[in-house]
Protein backbone atom coordinates (compact mmCIF):
# COMPACT_ATOMS: atom_id res chain seq x y z
CA MET A 1 169.08 74.84 -82.08
CA ASN A 2 169.68 75.64 -78.50
CA CYS A 3 166.59 77.69 -78.82
CA THR A 4 165.35 77.12 -75.34
CA VAL A 5 166.55 76.68 -71.84
CA GLN A 6 169.71 74.72 -72.33
CA PHE A 7 170.63 72.07 -69.81
CA MET A 8 174.39 71.78 -69.90
CA SER A 9 176.41 69.74 -67.53
CA ALA A 10 179.93 69.03 -66.57
CA SER A 11 181.12 65.49 -67.11
CA PRO A 12 180.31 62.82 -64.52
CA ASP A 13 183.67 63.14 -62.83
CA SER A 14 183.76 66.92 -62.67
CA HIS A 15 180.19 67.08 -61.37
CA ALA A 16 181.07 64.59 -58.66
CA HIS A 17 184.13 66.54 -57.64
CA ALA A 18 182.09 69.73 -57.46
CA HIS A 19 179.67 68.15 -54.98
CA ALA A 20 181.87 65.71 -53.10
CA ARG A 21 184.89 67.80 -52.11
CA PRO A 22 183.85 71.43 -51.64
CA ALA A 23 186.57 71.92 -49.06
CA ASP A 24 189.19 71.52 -51.84
CA LEU A 25 187.66 74.35 -53.85
CA PRO A 26 188.42 78.03 -53.30
CA ALA A 27 185.87 79.49 -50.90
CA ARG A 28 185.66 82.91 -52.49
CA HIS A 29 187.49 83.51 -55.75
CA PRO A 30 187.87 87.30 -55.93
CA HIS A 31 186.66 87.47 -59.55
CA ARG A 32 184.06 84.69 -59.47
CA TRP A 33 181.10 86.88 -60.51
CA ARG A 34 183.05 88.47 -63.36
CA LEU A 35 184.10 85.01 -64.47
CA LEU A 36 180.48 83.89 -64.33
CA ALA A 37 179.52 86.78 -66.60
CA LEU A 38 182.17 85.80 -69.18
CA LEU A 39 181.31 82.09 -69.02
CA CYS A 40 177.61 82.86 -69.42
CA LEU A 41 178.40 85.15 -72.35
CA ALA A 42 180.24 82.30 -74.05
CA GLN A 43 177.35 79.89 -73.36
CA PHE A 44 174.88 82.49 -74.62
CA MET A 45 176.82 82.52 -77.90
CA LEU A 46 176.41 78.75 -78.31
CA ILE A 47 172.66 78.91 -77.66
CA ALA A 48 171.95 81.94 -79.83
CA ASP A 49 173.88 80.36 -82.69
CA VAL A 50 171.02 77.93 -83.26
CA THR A 51 168.10 80.34 -83.22
CA VAL A 52 169.96 83.05 -85.10
CA ILE A 53 170.54 80.76 -88.10
CA ASN A 54 166.88 79.88 -88.64
CA VAL A 55 165.85 83.37 -89.73
CA ALA A 56 168.87 83.55 -92.05
CA LEU A 57 168.32 80.20 -93.80
CA PRO A 58 166.27 81.39 -96.81
CA THR A 59 168.77 84.15 -97.58
CA ILE A 60 171.73 81.78 -97.16
CA GLY A 61 170.03 79.35 -99.52
CA GLU A 62 169.70 82.01 -102.19
CA ASP A 63 173.25 83.33 -101.85
CA LEU A 64 175.00 79.95 -101.72
CA ASP A 65 172.57 78.11 -104.02
CA LEU A 66 171.58 75.60 -101.35
CA ASP A 67 168.39 73.57 -101.70
CA GLY A 68 166.26 72.31 -98.83
CA SER A 69 168.55 69.32 -98.23
CA GLY A 70 171.63 71.53 -97.98
CA LEU A 71 169.92 73.96 -95.62
CA THR A 72 168.88 71.03 -93.44
CA TRP A 73 172.56 70.23 -92.99
CA VAL A 74 173.38 73.85 -92.16
CA VAL A 75 171.22 73.41 -89.05
CA THR A 76 171.83 69.76 -88.22
CA ALA A 77 175.61 69.69 -88.66
CA TYR A 78 176.04 72.00 -85.68
CA THR A 79 173.62 70.25 -83.35
CA LEU A 80 174.76 66.77 -84.46
CA PHE A 81 178.39 67.28 -83.46
CA PHE A 82 177.46 69.41 -80.45
CA GLY A 83 175.20 66.71 -79.02
CA SER A 84 177.10 63.57 -79.92
CA LEU A 85 180.44 64.84 -78.56
CA LEU A 86 179.17 66.47 -75.35
CA LEU A 87 179.98 63.52 -73.10
CA LEU A 88 183.45 63.18 -74.62
CA GLY A 89 183.97 66.91 -74.09
CA GLY A 90 183.16 66.51 -70.41
CA ARG A 91 185.64 63.67 -70.06
CA LEU A 92 188.27 65.74 -71.85
CA ALA A 93 187.74 68.56 -69.35
CA ASP A 94 188.57 66.10 -66.57
CA ALA A 95 191.61 64.75 -68.42
CA VAL A 96 193.32 67.99 -69.48
CA GLY A 97 191.77 70.50 -67.09
CA LYS A 98 188.66 72.66 -67.22
CA LEU A 99 190.39 75.82 -68.42
CA ARG A 100 192.38 74.10 -71.17
CA ALA A 101 189.28 72.35 -72.50
CA PHE A 102 187.26 75.57 -72.37
CA LEU A 103 189.91 77.58 -74.23
CA ALA A 104 190.43 74.82 -76.82
CA GLY A 105 186.71 74.59 -77.51
CA LEU A 106 186.28 78.35 -77.63
CA THR A 107 189.21 78.69 -80.06
CA VAL A 108 187.74 76.07 -82.39
CA PHE A 109 184.27 77.63 -82.19
CA THR A 110 185.54 81.15 -82.88
CA ALA A 111 187.72 80.06 -85.81
CA ALA A 112 184.83 78.03 -87.24
CA SER A 113 182.56 81.08 -86.91
CA ILE A 114 184.99 83.07 -89.07
CA ALA A 115 185.04 80.25 -91.62
CA SER A 116 181.22 80.12 -91.62
CA GLY A 117 180.95 83.82 -92.36
CA LEU A 118 183.54 83.59 -95.14
CA ALA A 119 181.95 80.50 -96.72
CA ALA A 120 181.77 80.83 -100.49
CA GLY A 121 179.75 77.66 -100.97
CA GLY A 122 177.41 75.29 -99.21
CA GLY A 123 180.03 72.62 -98.58
CA MET A 124 182.34 75.04 -96.80
CA LEU A 125 179.51 76.38 -94.67
CA ILE A 126 178.35 72.90 -93.60
CA ALA A 127 181.95 71.90 -92.76
CA ALA A 128 182.43 75.08 -90.73
CA ARG A 129 179.13 74.51 -88.90
CA SER A 130 180.32 71.00 -88.05
CA ALA A 131 183.51 72.47 -86.59
CA GLN A 132 181.40 74.90 -84.57
CA GLY A 133 179.59 71.92 -83.08
CA VAL A 134 182.88 70.26 -82.15
CA GLY A 135 184.05 73.44 -80.45
CA ALA A 136 180.76 73.83 -78.59
CA ALA A 137 180.95 70.22 -77.34
CA LEU A 138 184.41 70.89 -75.90
CA MET A 139 183.57 74.29 -74.48
CA SER A 140 180.15 73.93 -72.86
CA PRO A 141 180.86 71.09 -70.36
CA ALA A 142 184.14 72.76 -69.36
CA ALA A 143 182.37 76.10 -68.81
CA MET A 144 179.77 74.41 -66.65
CA ALA A 145 182.50 72.64 -64.68
CA LEU A 146 184.20 75.99 -64.05
CA VAL A 147 180.94 77.50 -62.81
CA THR A 148 180.33 74.64 -60.34
CA ALA A 149 183.95 74.82 -59.16
CA LEU A 150 183.94 78.59 -58.67
CA PHE A 151 180.82 78.60 -56.47
CA HIS A 152 179.45 76.53 -53.62
CA GLY A 153 176.79 76.91 -51.01
CA PRO A 154 174.05 79.50 -51.63
CA ASP A 155 176.21 81.27 -54.22
CA ARG A 156 176.24 78.14 -56.36
CA ASN A 157 172.45 78.08 -56.56
CA LYS A 158 172.45 81.74 -57.60
CA ALA A 159 175.13 81.10 -60.22
CA LEU A 160 173.31 78.08 -61.63
CA GLY A 161 170.09 80.09 -61.75
CA VAL A 162 171.85 82.71 -63.89
CA TRP A 163 173.27 79.92 -66.07
CA ALA A 164 169.82 78.39 -66.58
CA ALA A 165 168.34 81.77 -67.56
CA ILE A 166 170.86 82.07 -70.38
CA GLY A 167 168.92 79.51 -72.40
CA GLY A 168 165.74 81.55 -72.64
CA ALA A 169 167.61 84.79 -73.19
CA GLY A 170 169.74 83.23 -75.94
CA SER A 171 166.75 81.91 -77.83
CA ALA A 172 164.82 85.19 -77.61
CA VAL A 173 167.72 87.42 -78.61
CA GLY A 174 168.90 84.97 -81.29
CA VAL A 175 165.74 85.19 -83.39
CA LEU A 176 165.83 88.99 -83.25
CA LEU A 177 169.55 89.23 -84.03
CA GLY A 178 169.08 86.95 -87.02
CA GLY A 179 166.60 89.36 -88.55
CA VAL A 180 168.70 92.42 -87.74
CA PHE A 181 171.89 91.03 -89.28
CA VAL A 182 170.31 89.56 -92.41
CA SER A 183 168.37 92.76 -93.10
CA GLY A 184 171.42 94.91 -92.28
CA PRO A 185 175.08 94.01 -92.86
CA GLY A 186 174.27 90.53 -94.21
CA TRP A 187 173.84 86.93 -93.07
CA GLU A 188 177.60 86.57 -92.67
CA TRP A 189 177.36 88.65 -89.49
CA VAL A 190 175.23 85.95 -87.93
CA PHE A 191 178.60 84.21 -87.55
CA PHE A 192 181.03 87.15 -87.41
CA ILE A 193 179.35 88.47 -84.24
CA ASN A 194 180.79 85.44 -82.42
CA VAL A 195 184.34 86.61 -83.05
CA PRO A 196 184.52 89.60 -80.65
CA VAL A 197 182.60 87.60 -78.02
CA GLY A 198 185.03 84.71 -78.39
CA LEU A 199 188.10 86.93 -78.19
CA VAL A 200 186.85 88.67 -75.04
CA ALA A 201 186.28 85.32 -73.34
CA LEU A 202 189.59 83.88 -74.59
CA VAL A 203 191.51 86.76 -73.01
CA GLY A 204 189.31 87.51 -70.02
CA VAL A 205 188.69 84.07 -68.49
CA PRO A 206 192.35 83.02 -68.01
CA ALA A 207 193.32 86.55 -66.95
CA LEU A 208 190.66 86.66 -64.21
CA LEU A 209 191.13 83.04 -63.18
CA GLY A 210 194.80 83.51 -62.40
CA ASN A 211 196.76 80.60 -60.95
CA SER A 212 193.92 78.78 -59.21
CA ARG A 213 195.33 75.25 -59.46
CA GLU A 214 192.07 73.64 -58.37
CA LEU A 215 190.34 75.23 -61.37
CA VAL A 216 193.12 74.84 -63.93
CA ALA A 217 194.60 71.41 -63.21
CA PRO A 218 193.10 68.11 -64.38
CA SER A 219 190.66 66.49 -61.95
CA GLY A 220 192.94 63.58 -61.16
CA GLY A 221 191.02 60.87 -63.03
CA SER A 222 192.61 58.24 -65.25
CA GLY A 223 192.26 60.43 -68.31
CA SER A 224 190.92 57.52 -70.37
CA LEU A 225 188.84 58.70 -73.32
CA ASP A 226 186.28 56.43 -74.96
CA LEU A 227 187.01 57.40 -78.56
CA PRO A 228 185.27 54.35 -80.14
CA GLY A 229 182.17 55.20 -78.12
CA ALA A 230 182.28 58.82 -79.26
CA LEU A 231 182.77 57.75 -82.90
CA THR A 232 179.81 55.37 -82.93
CA LEU A 233 177.63 57.83 -80.98
CA THR A 234 178.31 60.41 -83.70
CA ALA A 235 177.99 57.98 -86.62
CA ALA A 236 174.55 56.61 -85.66
CA PRO A 237 172.57 59.90 -85.75
CA GLY A 238 174.77 61.25 -88.55
CA LEU A 239 173.97 58.31 -90.84
CA LEU A 240 170.31 58.49 -89.83
CA ILE A 241 170.12 62.16 -90.82
CA TYR A 242 171.99 61.52 -94.07
CA GLY A 243 169.61 58.70 -94.96
CA LEU A 244 166.57 60.85 -94.25
CA VAL A 245 167.93 63.71 -96.35
CA GLN A 246 168.65 61.33 -99.23
CA ALA A 247 165.18 59.79 -98.90
CA ARG A 248 163.69 63.26 -99.21
CA ASP A 249 165.32 63.66 -102.62
CA ASP A 250 165.35 60.09 -104.00
CA GLY A 251 162.84 58.09 -101.96
CA PHE A 252 163.44 55.44 -99.31
CA GLU A 253 163.86 52.72 -101.94
CA ALA A 254 167.06 54.33 -103.26
CA PRO A 255 170.31 52.69 -102.04
CA GLY A 256 171.60 56.14 -101.11
CA ALA A 257 168.81 56.33 -98.54
CA TRP A 258 168.39 52.85 -97.07
CA LEU A 259 172.10 52.02 -96.88
CA PRO A 260 172.85 54.95 -94.52
CA LEU A 261 169.75 54.07 -92.49
CA LEU A 262 171.05 50.52 -92.15
CA GLY A 263 174.44 51.93 -91.23
CA ALA A 264 172.78 54.00 -88.49
CA LEU A 265 171.29 50.84 -86.96
CA LEU A 266 174.65 49.05 -87.11
CA SER A 267 176.42 52.06 -85.56
CA ALA A 268 173.90 52.16 -82.72
CA ALA A 269 174.45 48.43 -82.10
CA ALA A 270 178.22 48.98 -82.21
CA PHE A 271 177.89 51.76 -79.63
CA VAL A 272 176.14 49.39 -77.23
CA VAL A 273 178.83 46.73 -77.75
CA VAL A 274 181.63 49.25 -77.22
CA GLU A 275 180.08 50.66 -74.05
CA ARG A 276 179.72 47.15 -72.62
CA ARG A 277 183.36 46.27 -73.23
CA VAL A 278 185.38 49.45 -72.76
CA ARG A 279 186.90 49.97 -69.31
CA GLU A 280 185.66 53.56 -68.88
CA PRO A 281 182.63 54.01 -71.16
CA LEU A 282 181.10 57.35 -72.06
CA VAL A 283 177.77 55.96 -70.87
CA ARG A 284 177.32 53.26 -68.24
CA LEU A 285 174.44 51.39 -69.84
CA ALA A 286 173.15 50.23 -66.45
CA ILE A 287 171.94 53.77 -65.79
CA PHE A 288 169.18 53.22 -68.35
CA ALA A 289 167.52 50.87 -65.92
CA ARG A 290 166.11 54.04 -64.33
CA ARG A 291 162.77 54.58 -66.06
CA SER A 292 162.66 58.23 -65.00
CA LEU A 293 165.96 58.91 -66.80
CA VAL A 294 164.73 57.16 -69.95
CA GLY A 295 161.44 59.06 -69.77
CA GLY A 296 163.12 62.40 -69.25
CA SER A 297 165.54 61.79 -72.13
CA VAL A 298 162.72 60.76 -74.50
CA VAL A 299 160.71 63.85 -73.56
CA MET A 300 163.76 66.08 -74.09
CA LEU A 301 164.56 64.47 -77.46
CA ALA A 302 160.99 65.00 -78.68
CA ALA A 303 160.57 68.51 -77.25
CA SER A 304 163.80 69.79 -78.79
CA GLY A 305 163.04 68.14 -82.13
CA LEU A 306 159.53 69.55 -82.34
CA LEU A 307 160.58 73.06 -81.39
CA ILE A 308 163.56 73.32 -83.71
CA ALA A 309 161.62 71.77 -86.58
CA SER A 310 158.79 74.27 -86.04
CA PHE A 311 161.21 77.20 -86.18
CA PHE A 312 162.76 75.71 -89.32
CA LEU A 313 159.41 75.28 -91.07
CA SER A 314 157.98 78.61 -89.96
CA SER A 315 161.01 80.55 -91.14
CA PHE A 316 160.59 79.21 -94.67
CA TYR A 317 156.84 79.72 -94.62
CA VAL A 318 156.99 83.32 -93.43
CA GLN A 319 159.74 84.35 -95.86
CA HIS A 320 159.02 82.18 -98.91
CA VAL A 321 155.23 82.20 -98.89
CA LEU A 322 154.26 85.41 -97.11
CA GLY A 323 157.21 87.42 -98.39
CA PHE A 324 158.37 88.77 -95.03
CA SER A 325 161.82 90.27 -94.71
CA ALA A 326 164.29 88.67 -92.31
CA LEU A 327 163.82 91.50 -89.80
CA LYS A 328 160.03 91.18 -89.81
CA THR A 329 160.44 87.41 -89.42
CA GLY A 330 162.67 87.87 -86.39
CA LEU A 331 160.16 90.23 -84.81
CA ALA A 332 157.33 87.79 -85.51
CA PHE A 333 159.26 85.01 -83.77
CA LEU A 334 160.08 87.09 -80.69
CA PRO A 335 156.79 86.30 -78.87
CA VAL A 336 157.47 82.63 -79.56
CA ALA A 337 160.90 82.79 -77.94
CA VAL A 338 159.47 84.67 -74.96
CA ALA A 339 156.75 82.00 -74.62
CA ILE A 340 159.45 79.32 -74.29
CA THR A 341 161.00 81.21 -71.38
CA ILE A 342 157.65 81.75 -69.66
CA GLY A 343 156.81 78.06 -70.00
CA ALA A 344 160.16 77.05 -68.54
CA HIS A 345 159.77 79.36 -65.55
CA ALA A 346 156.22 78.16 -64.89
CA ALA A 347 157.25 74.51 -65.13
CA SER A 348 159.12 74.36 -61.82
CA HIS A 349 156.01 75.48 -59.92
CA LEU A 350 153.72 73.19 -61.90
CA VAL A 351 155.91 70.13 -61.41
CA ALA A 352 156.23 70.83 -57.68
CA ARG A 353 152.45 71.10 -57.31
CA LEU A 354 151.13 68.53 -59.80
CA GLY A 355 154.00 66.13 -60.48
CA TRP A 356 155.96 65.19 -63.60
CA ARG A 357 153.48 62.90 -65.31
CA PRO A 358 150.44 65.21 -65.54
CA VAL A 359 152.60 68.21 -66.47
CA GLY A 360 154.43 66.28 -69.19
CA VAL A 361 151.27 64.76 -70.64
CA VAL A 362 149.40 68.08 -70.71
CA ALA A 363 152.45 69.86 -72.17
CA PHE A 364 152.59 67.54 -75.16
CA ALA A 365 148.81 67.51 -75.57
CA LEU A 366 148.94 71.32 -75.86
CA THR A 367 151.89 70.98 -78.23
CA ALA A 368 149.74 68.77 -80.44
CA VAL A 369 146.97 71.37 -80.38
CA GLY A 370 149.41 74.16 -81.27
CA ALA A 371 150.85 72.14 -84.17
CA ALA A 372 147.32 71.30 -85.36
CA LEU A 373 146.49 75.01 -85.48
CA LEU A 374 149.40 75.46 -87.89
CA THR A 375 148.18 72.88 -90.38
CA GLY A 376 145.69 75.23 -92.00
CA LEU A 377 148.20 77.87 -93.08
CA ASP A 378 148.03 79.07 -96.65
CA ALA A 379 149.29 81.95 -98.77
CA ASP A 380 146.65 84.31 -97.36
CA SER A 381 147.10 83.48 -93.67
CA GLY A 382 147.91 86.27 -91.24
CA VAL A 383 151.11 85.93 -89.26
CA TRP A 384 149.75 87.52 -86.09
CA THR A 385 146.28 85.99 -86.28
CA GLU A 386 147.05 82.45 -87.50
CA LEU A 387 150.76 81.56 -87.30
CA VAL A 388 151.83 83.21 -84.05
CA PRO A 389 148.94 81.98 -81.82
CA GLY A 390 149.52 78.32 -82.69
CA PHE A 391 153.31 78.69 -82.54
CA VAL A 392 153.13 80.48 -79.18
CA LEU A 393 150.94 77.73 -77.69
CA LEU A 394 153.31 75.06 -79.00
CA SER A 395 156.36 76.90 -77.65
CA LEU A 396 154.82 77.66 -74.26
CA ALA A 397 154.01 73.98 -73.80
CA LEU A 398 157.44 72.81 -74.94
CA GLY A 399 159.16 75.31 -72.63
CA THR A 400 157.35 73.52 -69.80
CA ALA A 401 158.30 70.12 -71.23
CA PHE A 402 162.02 70.98 -71.19
CA VAL A 403 162.09 71.57 -67.45
CA CYS A 404 159.80 68.60 -66.82
CA ALA A 405 162.19 66.39 -68.78
CA THR A 406 165.30 67.53 -66.95
CA THR A 407 163.91 67.37 -63.42
CA ALA A 408 162.33 63.95 -64.09
CA ALA A 409 165.58 62.56 -65.46
CA MET A 410 167.55 63.82 -62.43
CA ASN A 411 164.99 62.62 -59.89
CA GLY A 412 166.37 60.37 -57.16
CA LEU A 413 169.84 60.03 -58.64
CA PRO A 414 172.88 59.68 -56.40
CA HIS A 415 175.45 62.46 -56.72
CA GLU A 416 177.88 60.24 -58.62
CA ASP A 417 175.32 59.77 -61.43
CA MET A 418 174.11 63.36 -61.72
CA GLY A 419 176.78 64.49 -64.15
CA LEU A 420 176.22 61.54 -66.47
CA ALA A 421 172.43 61.90 -66.36
CA SER A 422 172.53 65.65 -67.00
CA GLY A 423 174.98 65.06 -69.85
CA LEU A 424 172.61 62.49 -71.37
CA VAL A 425 169.70 64.93 -71.20
CA SER A 426 171.85 67.62 -72.83
CA THR A 427 172.84 65.15 -75.54
CA SER A 428 169.16 64.35 -76.09
CA HIS A 429 168.46 68.09 -76.46
CA GLU A 430 171.03 68.60 -79.20
CA LEU A 431 170.45 65.34 -81.06
CA GLY A 432 166.70 65.91 -80.85
CA ALA A 433 167.19 69.22 -82.64
CA ALA A 434 169.24 67.58 -85.39
CA LEU A 435 166.85 64.66 -85.87
CA GLY A 436 163.73 66.82 -85.68
CA VAL A 437 164.85 69.08 -88.50
CA ALA A 438 165.90 66.08 -90.62
CA VAL A 439 162.60 64.24 -90.15
CA ILE A 440 160.32 67.24 -90.66
CA SER A 441 162.25 68.61 -93.63
CA THR A 442 161.94 65.20 -95.26
CA ILE A 443 158.17 65.35 -94.81
CA ALA A 444 157.94 68.97 -95.97
CA GLY A 445 159.83 68.08 -99.14
CA ALA A 446 159.46 70.52 -102.02
CA SER A 447 157.79 73.16 -99.85
CA LEU A 448 161.26 74.11 -98.61
CA GLU A 449 162.40 74.91 -102.13
CA GLY A 450 161.42 78.34 -103.27
CA GLY A 451 162.50 81.52 -104.79
CA GLY A 452 162.81 83.38 -101.53
CA ALA A 453 160.63 86.14 -100.22
CA GLY A 454 157.70 86.80 -102.42
CA ALA A 455 158.13 83.60 -104.40
CA GLY A 456 154.47 83.82 -105.34
CA ALA A 457 152.81 80.99 -107.25
CA ASP A 458 155.77 78.62 -106.91
CA ALA A 459 155.73 78.93 -103.13
CA VAL A 460 151.96 78.64 -102.95
CA ALA A 461 152.02 75.46 -105.00
CA GLY A 462 154.20 73.80 -102.36
CA MET A 463 151.98 74.55 -99.37
CA GLY A 464 151.00 70.89 -99.00
CA GLY A 465 154.41 70.05 -97.59
CA PHE A 466 154.01 72.54 -94.73
CA ASP A 467 150.59 71.10 -93.93
CA ASN A 468 151.96 67.55 -93.89
CA ALA A 469 154.94 68.52 -91.75
CA PHE A 470 152.89 70.32 -89.09
CA THR A 471 150.43 67.40 -89.09
CA ALA A 472 153.38 65.10 -88.39
CA CYS A 473 154.43 67.39 -85.50
CA ALA A 474 150.94 67.12 -84.02
CA ILE A 475 150.97 63.32 -84.30
CA ILE A 476 154.44 63.03 -82.78
CA ALA A 477 153.41 65.27 -79.86
CA ALA A 478 150.30 63.14 -79.22
CA VAL A 479 152.40 59.95 -79.26
CA VAL A 480 154.92 61.44 -76.81
CA ALA A 481 152.06 62.51 -74.52
CA ALA A 482 151.02 58.84 -74.36
CA LEU A 483 154.62 57.71 -73.80
CA GLY A 484 155.05 60.32 -71.07
CA ALA A 485 152.14 58.81 -69.19
CA LEU A 486 154.10 55.53 -69.13
CA LEU A 487 157.68 56.68 -68.66
CA LEU A 488 157.58 59.86 -66.55
CA PRO A 489 157.53 59.45 -62.74
CA ALA A 490 154.09 59.57 -61.19
CA GLY A 491 155.14 61.55 -58.11
CA ARG A 492 156.43 65.02 -57.37
CA PRO A 493 159.89 66.29 -56.41
CA ASP A 494 160.85 65.75 -52.77
CA PRO A 495 161.06 69.24 -51.18
CA SER A 496 163.56 67.95 -48.61
CA GLN A 497 166.08 67.31 -51.40
CA GLY A 498 165.94 70.94 -52.55
CA PRO A 499 165.33 72.14 -56.09
CA VAL A 500 166.84 70.31 -59.00
CA MET A 501 168.73 72.85 -61.03
CA ALA A 502 168.03 72.84 -64.76
CA HIS A 503 171.32 73.83 -66.27
């Protein structure tokens, strides 16, 4: 889920235009702050749509007869398509224009939200969630490009600060809204609430923008789209997730599991071949020679995966084992979401004072401790005395890791590479969420099956899966702490270069 500070970017070309030719951009659009409010509202919707679903998953499973594997896809389908198509969405914004790409993505997302709420079966819901991810991938880079084009100078820093704050707000409000809707009008309203928001933005953004050609017209690039690259970038994690889900049900020795896993490796290799040969690749592979970018992307992938997986596991534990209602679950998760925001805000000061490497290593060491505290949960554990303290520590540390990852990845980059690097970090965020849920749900296994709230003896019997899954989270966090010591930059941000915006 986009359950934390979300780092969205325009495409490489649009980001470069925003920095390189400010004189070509309107100095003071009369409605720029109103437009920022609408664009942030739309982005808020994308972020909240990940956290809001976690609280609703057990109820959706009961109503649509979805098992743990199906519910894994309800989460991962959205983040898979969102993450894997982000870079293509940015290129499309350059090719057809920021406004057109934004409106196209918002239309797809809104229509898919209606289809999600009307879903009569698991297959329809997963397909609609996939379409939501496609819409989000088109919409988010274009919205970010509009923000950077509308503002420059000191106003741009203020606007980007507001944009960055949307991530924490979206995650915090999302977990609460999920409980409110499921306990009230029904889980369908987790998706239906997107419709009025989408319609307001669809009407309001073009009306306020007017005929600003610099903001509406294409950027002037070649318009070449790397469709083979986008296809293989989507296929590799998609096949990996499918293989893991099948392995959860049938074991890794089953052809239905190892064949998709082999296909994922072949798709990843094909992506590298395509990016080497295509004239305008989605990703210039030479950029991975920068160790700080690789380190930041790895940290982001792991942080997002651990956080989303922990929300996924905890939601089932609290509702299936402890018998909490959806509303009480949302309220229990609220301190966790707030902890993410606090950690993200503290990170900029910590990184400036201590540097990326010590902050990243300590963040994941604390994440490992928080996950370890969650391994002893049983049917008699107290939410506020045993679940929330460990989850809050884990989330606080990962909130710090998100900002550490982004600022490390962007460190020392020339302006022409900033859009691509930020897009790669955003892709790592979304794909990390998809992969994290797939891996951890595979480890949790039968513990994710249950009769819903108050499942009693059946739920208690499956507690071993939760213990194994949180143990795996602790081990992964410890491994990433060691990797961070090798891959993250040893220094601190250069104050003369100004703050690196996490957006």
